[in-house]
PDB file of N, CA and C in Angstrom:
ATOM      1  N   UNK A   1       9.705  18.118 -11.671  1.00  0.00           N
ATOM      2  CA  UNK A   1      10.888  17.923 -11.817  1.00  0.00           C
ATOM      3  C   UNK A   1      11.503  19.154 -12.570  1.00  0.00           C
ATOM      4  N   UNK A   2      12.674  19.724 -12.001  1.00  0.00           N
ATOM      5  CA  UNK A   2      13.510  20.550 -12.659  1.00  0.00           C
ATOM      6  C   UNK A   2      14.745  20.004 -13.630  1.00  0.00           C
ATOM      7  N   UNK A   3      15.273  20.971 -14.254  1.00  0.00           N
ATOM      8  CA  UNK A   3      16.403  20.426 -14.962  1.00  0.00           C
ATOM      9  C   UNK A   3      17.523  19.983 -14.304  1.00  0.00           C
ATOM     10  N   UNK A   4      17.676  20.711 -13.465  1.00  0.00           N
ATOM     11  CA  UNK A   4      18.728  20.494 -12.105  1.00  0.00           C
ATOM     12  C   UNK A   4      18.713  18.871 -11.546  1.00  0.00           C
ATOM     13  N   UNK A   5      17.421  18.708 -11.485  1.00  0.00           N
ATOM     14  CA  UNK A   5      16.943  17.312 -10.735  1.00  0.00           C
ATOM     15  C   UNK A   5      17.256  16.223 -11.489  1.00  0.00           C
ATOM     16  N   UNK A   6      16.954  16.472 -12.832  1.00  0.00           N
ATOM     17  CA  UNK A   6      17.217  15.458 -13.997  1.00  0.00           C
ATOM     18  C   UNK A   6      18.897  15.275 -14.571  1.00  0.00           C
ATOM     19  N   UNK A   7      19.437  16.361 -14.194  1.00  0.00           N
ATOM     20  CA  UNK A   7      20.841  16.152 -14.485  1.00  0.00           C
ATOM     21  C   UNK A   7      21.582  15.534 -13.463  1.00  0.00           C
ATOM     22  N   UNK A   8      21.241  15.576 -12.318  1.00  0.00           N
ATOM     23  CA  UNK A   8      21.925  14.765 -11.013  1.00  0.00           C
ATOM     24  C   UNK A   8      20.964  13.698 -10.971  1.00  0.00           C
ATOM     25  N   UNK A   9      19.753  13.190 -11.368  1.00  0.00           N
ATOM     26  CA  UNK A   9      19.343  12.205 -11.447  1.00  0.00           C
ATOM     27  C   UNK A   9      18.787  11.743  -9.805  1.00  0.00           C
ATOM     28  N   UNK A  10      18.493  12.628  -9.078  1.00  0.00           N
ATOM     29  CA  UNK A  10      17.935  12.776  -7.950  1.00  0.00           C
ATOM     30  C   UNK A  10      16.572  12.945  -7.922  1.00  0.00           C
ATOM     31  N   UNK A  11      15.927  11.922  -8.471  1.00  0.00           N
ATOM     32  CA  UNK A  11      14.409  11.971  -8.261  1.00  0.00           C
ATOM     33  C   UNK A  11      14.044  10.555  -8.502  1.00  0.00           C
ATOM     34  N   UNK A  12      12.450  10.334  -7.865  1.00  0.00           N
ATOM     35  CA  UNK A  12      12.466   9.090  -8.294  1.00  0.00           C
ATOM     36  C   UNK A  12      10.836   8.920  -8.696  1.00  0.00           C
ATOM     37  N   UNK A  13      11.042   8.003  -9.545  1.00  0.00           N
ATOM     38  CA  UNK A  13       9.771   7.776 -10.621  1.00  0.00           C
ATOM     39  C   UNK A  13       8.638   7.545  -9.479  1.00  0.00           C
ATOM     40  N   UNK A  14       7.362   8.337  -9.541  1.00  0.00           N
ATOM     41  CA  UNK A  14       6.445   7.915  -8.725  1.00  0.00           C
ATOM     42  C   UNK A  14       5.917   6.428  -8.696  1.00  0.00           C
ATOM     43  N   UNK A  15       5.886   6.074  -9.960  1.00  0.00           N
ATOM     44  CA  UNK A  15       5.422   4.496 -10.081  1.00  0.00           C
ATOM     45  C   UNK A  15       6.322   3.620  -9.657  1.00  0.00           C
ATOM     46  N   UNK A  16       7.815   3.832  -9.421  1.00  0.00           N
ATOM     47  CA  UNK A  16       8.509   2.975  -8.701  1.00  0.00           C
ATOM     48  C   UNK A  16       8.380   3.207  -7.310  1.00  0.00           C
ATOM     49  N   UNK A  17       8.508   4.453  -6.763  1.00  0.00           N
ATOM     50  CA  UNK A  17       7.902   4.612  -5.326  1.00  0.00           C
ATOM     51  C   UNK A  17       6.905   3.699  -4.828  1.00  0.00           C
ATOM     52  N   UNK A  18       5.779   3.598  -5.557  1.00  0.00           N
ATOM     53  CA  UNK A  18       4.643   2.718  -5.322  1.00  0.00           C
ATOM     54  C   UNK A  18       4.790   1.334  -4.968  1.00  0.00           C
ATOM     55  N   UNK A  19       6.033   0.842  -5.538  1.00  0.00           N
ATOM     56  CA  UNK A  19       6.637  -0.579  -5.530  1.00  0.00           C
ATOM     57  C   UNK A  19       7.329  -0.727  -4.665  1.00  0.00           C
ATOM     58  N   UNK A  20       8.452   0.172  -4.233  1.00  0.00           N
ATOM     59  CA  UNK A  20       9.365   0.409  -3.353  1.00  0.00           C
ATOM     60  C   UNK A  20       8.910  -0.082  -1.869  1.00  0.00           C
ATOM     61  N   UNK A  21       9.433  -0.990  -1.095  1.00  0.00           N
ATOM     62  CA  UNK A  21       9.205  -1.160   0.293  1.00  0.00           C
ATOM     63  C   UNK A  21      10.387  -0.893   1.154  1.00  0.00           C
ATOM     64  N   UNK A  22      10.351  -0.773   2.398  1.00  0.00           N
ATOM     65  CA  UNK A  22      11.530  -0.853   3.210  1.00  0.00           C
ATOM     66  C   UNK A  22      11.989  -2.453   3.507  1.00  0.00           C
ATOM     67  N   UNK A  23      12.996  -2.692   3.272  1.00  0.00           N
ATOM     68  CA  UNK A  23      13.559  -4.138   3.304  1.00  0.00           C
ATOM     69  C   UNK A  23      13.322  -4.943   4.928  1.00  0.00           C
ATOM     70  N   UNK A  24      13.217  -4.308   5.673  1.00  0.00           N
ATOM     71  CA  UNK A  24      13.113  -4.702   6.996  1.00  0.00           C
ATOM     72  C   UNK A  24      11.794  -4.961   7.385  1.00  0.00           C
ATOM     73  N   UNK A  25      11.094  -3.964   7.413  1.00  0.00           N
ATOM     74  CA  UNK A  25       9.847  -4.131   7.593  1.00  0.00           C
ATOM     75  C   UNK A  25       8.640  -4.391   6.630  1.00  0.00           C
ATOM     76  N   UNK A  26       9.217  -4.146   5.203  1.00  0.00           N
ATOM     77  CA  UNK A  26       8.290  -4.349   3.924  1.00  0.00           C
ATOM     78  C   UNK A  26       6.734  -3.080   4.219  1.00  0.00           C
ATOM     79  N   UNK A  27       7.233  -2.268   4.646  1.00  0.00           N
ATOM     80  CA  UNK A  27       6.228  -0.936   4.672  1.00  0.00           C
ATOM     81  C   UNK A  27       6.781   0.164   3.518  1.00  0.00           C
ATOM     82  N   UNK A  28       5.841   0.969   3.420  1.00  0.00           N
ATOM     83  CA  UNK A  28       5.598   1.993   2.564  1.00  0.00           C
ATOM     84  C   UNK A  28       7.101   2.974   2.963  1.00  0.00           C
ATOM     85  N   UNK A  29       7.728   3.419   1.853  1.00  0.00           N
ATOM     86  CA  UNK A  29       8.866   4.437   1.920  1.00  0.00           C
ATOM     87  C   UNK A  29       8.416   6.140   1.118  1.00  0.00           C
ATOM     88  N   UNK A  30       8.622   6.983   2.026  1.00  0.00           N
ATOM     89  CA  UNK A  30       8.566   7.935   1.803  1.00  0.00           C
ATOM     90  C   UNK A  30       9.722   9.056   0.955  1.00  0.00           C
ATOM     91  N   UNK A  31       9.651   9.552  -0.185  1.00  0.00           N
ATOM     92  CA  UNK A  31      10.939  10.282  -1.138  1.00  0.00           C
ATOM     93  C   UNK A  31      10.966  11.651  -0.170  1.00  0.00           C
ATOM     94  N   UNK A  32      12.234  11.810   0.295  1.00  0.00           N
ATOM     95  CA  UNK A  32      12.596  13.067   1.016  1.00  0.00           C
ATOM     96  C   UNK A  32      13.407  13.920  -0.240  1.00  0.00           C
ATOM     97  N   UNK A  33      12.984  14.524  -0.861  1.00  0.00           N
ATOM     98  CA  UNK A  33      13.563  15.293  -2.037  1.00  0.00           C
ATOM     99  C   UNK A  33      14.653  16.253  -1.572  1.00  0.00           C
ATOM    100  N   UNK A  34      14.712  17.084  -0.500  1.00  0.00           N
ATOM    101  CA  UNK A  34      15.627  17.687  -0.187  1.00  0.00           C
ATOM    102  C   UNK A  34      16.894  16.970   0.391  1.00  0.00           C
ATOM    103  N   UNK A  35      16.753  15.449   1.020  1.00  0.00           N
ATOM    104  CA  UNK A  35      18.125  14.881   1.261  1.00  0.00           C
ATOM    105  C   UNK A  35      18.435  13.941   0.315  1.00  0.00           C
ATOM    106  N   UNK A  36      17.440  13.639  -0.457  1.00  0.00           N
ATOM    107  CA  UNK A  36      17.470  12.748  -1.402  1.00  0.00           C
ATOM    108  C   UNK A  36      17.678  11.269  -1.019  1.00  0.00           C
ATOM    109  N   UNK A  37      16.514  10.966  -0.163  1.00  0.00           N
ATOM    110  CA  UNK A  37      16.524   9.797   0.626  1.00  0.00           C
ATOM    111  C   UNK A  37      15.222   9.038   0.626  1.00  0.00           C
ATOM    112  N   UNK A  38      14.909   7.750   0.897  1.00  0.00           N
ATOM    113  CA  UNK A  38      13.760   7.166   1.136  1.00  0.00           C
ATOM    114  C   UNK A  38      13.692   6.916   2.508  1.00  0.00           C
ATOM    115  N   UNK A  39      12.742   7.367   3.172  1.00  0.00           N
ATOM    116  CA  UNK A  39      12.252   7.070   4.645  1.00  0.00           C
ATOM    117  C   UNK A  39      11.043   6.225   4.925  1.00  0.00           C
ATOM    118  N   UNK A  40      11.877   5.329   5.914  1.00  0.00           N
ATOM    119  CA  UNK A  40      10.679   4.430   6.291  1.00  0.00           C
ATOM    120  C   UNK A  40      10.695   4.883   8.112  1.00  0.00           C
ATOM    121  N   UNK A  41       9.414   5.140   8.017  1.00  0.00           N
ATOM    122  CA  UNK A  41       8.975   5.788   9.375  1.00  0.00           C
ATOM    123  C   UNK A  41       9.004   5.124  10.718  1.00  0.00           C
ATOM    124  N   UNK A  42       8.549   3.662  10.105  1.00  0.00           N
ATOM    125  CA  UNK A  42       8.305   2.574  11.396  1.00  0.00           C
ATOM    126  C   UNK A  42       9.895   2.209  11.741  1.00  0.00           C
ATOM    127  N   UNK A  43      10.955   1.941  11.194  1.00  0.00           N
ATOM    128  CA  UNK A  43      12.486   1.845  11.883  1.00  0.00           C
ATOM    129  C   UNK A  43      13.023   2.514  11.964  1.00  0.00           C
ATOM    130  N   UNK A  44      12.585   3.887  11.224  1.00  0.00           N
ATOM    131  CA  UNK A  44      13.240   5.528  11.585  1.00  0.00           C
ATOM    132  C   UNK A  44      14.454   5.659  10.881  1.00  0.00           C
ATOM    133  N   UNK A  45      14.389   4.893   9.572  1.00  0.00           N
ATOM    134  CA  UNK A  45      15.820   4.751   8.739  1.00  0.00           C
ATOM    135  C   UNK A  45      15.564   5.708   7.567  1.00  0.00           C
ATOM    136  N   UNK A  46      16.714   6.185   7.133  1.00  0.00           N
ATOM    137  CA  UNK A  46      16.694   6.896   5.287  1.00  0.00           C
ATOM    138  C   UNK A  46      17.691   6.065   4.511  1.00  0.00           C
ATOM    139  N   UNK A  47      16.858   5.575   3.534  1.00  0.00           N
ATOM    140  CA  UNK A  47      18.067   4.985   2.652  1.00  0.00           C
ATOM    141  C   UNK A  47      18.273   5.968   1.608  1.00  0.00           C
ATOM    142  N   UNK A  48      19.694   6.018   1.270  1.00  0.00           N
ATOM    143  CA  UNK A  48      19.997   6.871   0.311  1.00  0.00           C
ATOM    144  C   UNK A  48      19.504   6.728  -1.279  1.00  0.00           C
ATOM    145  N   UNK A  49      19.446   7.600  -2.088  1.00  0.00           N
ATOM    146  CA  UNK A  49      19.149   7.458  -3.413  1.00  0.00           C
ATOM    147  C   UNK A  49      20.687   8.200  -3.980  1.00  0.00           C
ATOM    148  N   UNK A  50      21.132   7.385  -4.659  1.00  0.00           N
ATOM    149  CA  UNK A  50      22.264   7.337  -5.520  1.00  0.00           C
ATOM    150  C   UNK A  50      22.365   7.657  -6.971  1.00  0.00           C
ATOM    151  N   UNK A  51      22.283   8.578  -7.515  1.00  0.00           N
ATOM    152  CA  UNK A  51      21.982   8.608  -9.055  1.00  0.00           C
ATOM    153  C   UNK A  51      20.688   8.128  -9.649  1.00  0.00           C
ATOM    154  N   UNK A  52      19.650   8.265  -9.069  1.00  0.00           N
ATOM    155  CA  UNK A  52      18.370   7.935  -9.023  1.00  0.00           C
ATOM    156  C   UNK A  52      18.297   6.744  -8.370  1.00  0.00           C
ATOM    157  N   UNK A  53      19.303   5.737  -8.156  1.00  0.00           N
ATOM    158  CA  UNK A  53      18.917   4.186  -7.858  1.00  0.00           C
ATOM    159  C   UNK A  53      19.023   4.155  -6.354  1.00  0.00           C
ATOM    160  N   UNK A  54      17.777   3.970  -5.835  1.00  0.00           N
ATOM    161  CA  UNK A  54      17.531   3.895  -4.630  1.00  0.00           C
ATOM    162  C   UNK A  54      18.804   2.283  -3.915  1.00  0.00           C
ATOM    163  N   UNK A  55      19.191   3.049  -2.881  1.00  0.00           N
ATOM    164  CA  UNK A  55      20.317   2.036  -2.180  1.00  0.00           C
ATOM    165  C   UNK A  55      19.409   1.459  -0.975  1.00  0.00           C
ATOM    166  N   UNK A  56      18.784   0.100  -1.293  1.00  0.00           N
ATOM    167  CA  UNK A  56      17.829  -0.201  -0.202  1.00  0.00           C
ATOM    168  C   UNK A  56      18.779  -1.546   0.993  1.00  0.00           C
ATOM    169  N   UNK A  57      19.898  -1.189   1.288  1.00  0.00           N
ATOM    170  CA  UNK A  57      20.725  -1.764   2.072  1.00  0.00           C
ATOM    171  C   UNK A  57      20.566  -1.440   3.466  1.00  0.00           C
ATOM    172  N   UNK A  58      20.197  -2.150   4.353  1.00  0.00           N
ATOM    173  CA  UNK A  58      20.129  -1.574   5.771  1.00  0.00           C
ATOM    174  C   UNK A  58      21.222  -1.201   6.260  1.00  0.00           C
ATOM    175  N   UNK A  59      22.511  -1.924   5.537  1.00  0.00           N
ATOM    176  CA  UNK A  59      23.754  -1.257   6.353  1.00  0.00           C
ATOM    177  C   UNK A  59      24.427   0.053   5.653  1.00  0.00           C
ATOM    178  N   UNK A  60      23.362   0.447   4.457  1.00  0.00           N
ATOM    179  CA  UNK A  60      23.625   1.773   4.317  1.00  0.00           C
ATOM    180  C   UNK A  60      22.596   2.709   4.485  1.00  0.00           C
ATOM    181  N   UNK A  61      21.459   2.372   5.201  1.00  0.00           N
ATOM    182  CA  UNK A  61      20.590   3.352   5.896  1.00  0.00           C
ATOM    183  C   UNK A  61      21.065   4.500   6.967  1.00  0.00           C
ATOM    184  N   UNK A  62      20.561   5.234   7.147  1.00  0.00           N
ATOM    185  CA  UNK A  62      20.969   6.526   7.828  1.00  0.00           C
ATOM    186  C   UNK A  62      19.775   6.512   9.026  1.00  0.00           C
ATOM    187  N   UNK A  63      20.422   6.343  10.341  1.00  0.00           N
ATOM    188  CA  UNK A  63      19.093   6.544  11.484  1.00  0.00           C
ATOM    189  C   UNK A  63      18.601   7.631  11.631  1.00  0.00           C
ATOM    190  N   UNK A  64      17.300   7.723  11.848  1.00  0.00           N
ATOM    191  CA  UNK A  64      16.912   9.227  11.838  1.00  0.00           C
ATOM    192  C   UNK A  64      16.535   9.427  13.414  1.00  0.00           C
ATOM    193  N   UNK A  65      17.062   8.328  14.310  1.00  0.00           N
ATOM    194  CA  UNK A  65      17.180   9.047  15.793  1.00  0.00           C
ATOM    195  C   UNK A  65      18.008  10.016  16.043  1.00  0.00           C
ATOM    196  N   UNK A  66      19.189  10.300  15.325  1.00  0.00           N
ATOM    197  CA  UNK A  66      19.847  11.315  15.352  1.00  0.00           C
ATOM    198  C   UNK A  66      19.728  12.595  14.950  1.00  0.00           C
ATOM    199  N   UNK A  67      18.586  12.884  14.275  1.00  0.00           N
ATOM    200  CA  UNK A  67      17.909  13.922  13.903  1.00  0.00           C
ATOM    201  C   UNK A  67      17.305  14.972  14.980  1.00  0.00           C
TER     202      UNK A  67
END
């Protein structure tokens, strides 16, 4: 993690990532560092991470079908 990442809080602790699951499918999440999102592959959704806090609300998720 770089100092810039630490300042913005845009990184996820690997231990926390192991515990987090998609709220819809209960499947694993992958952290996309470039977009600062947690990606759930099955429903094709990306959940934002703001200030280092995952926002795991389906209403806040971005559809990956538009990419």
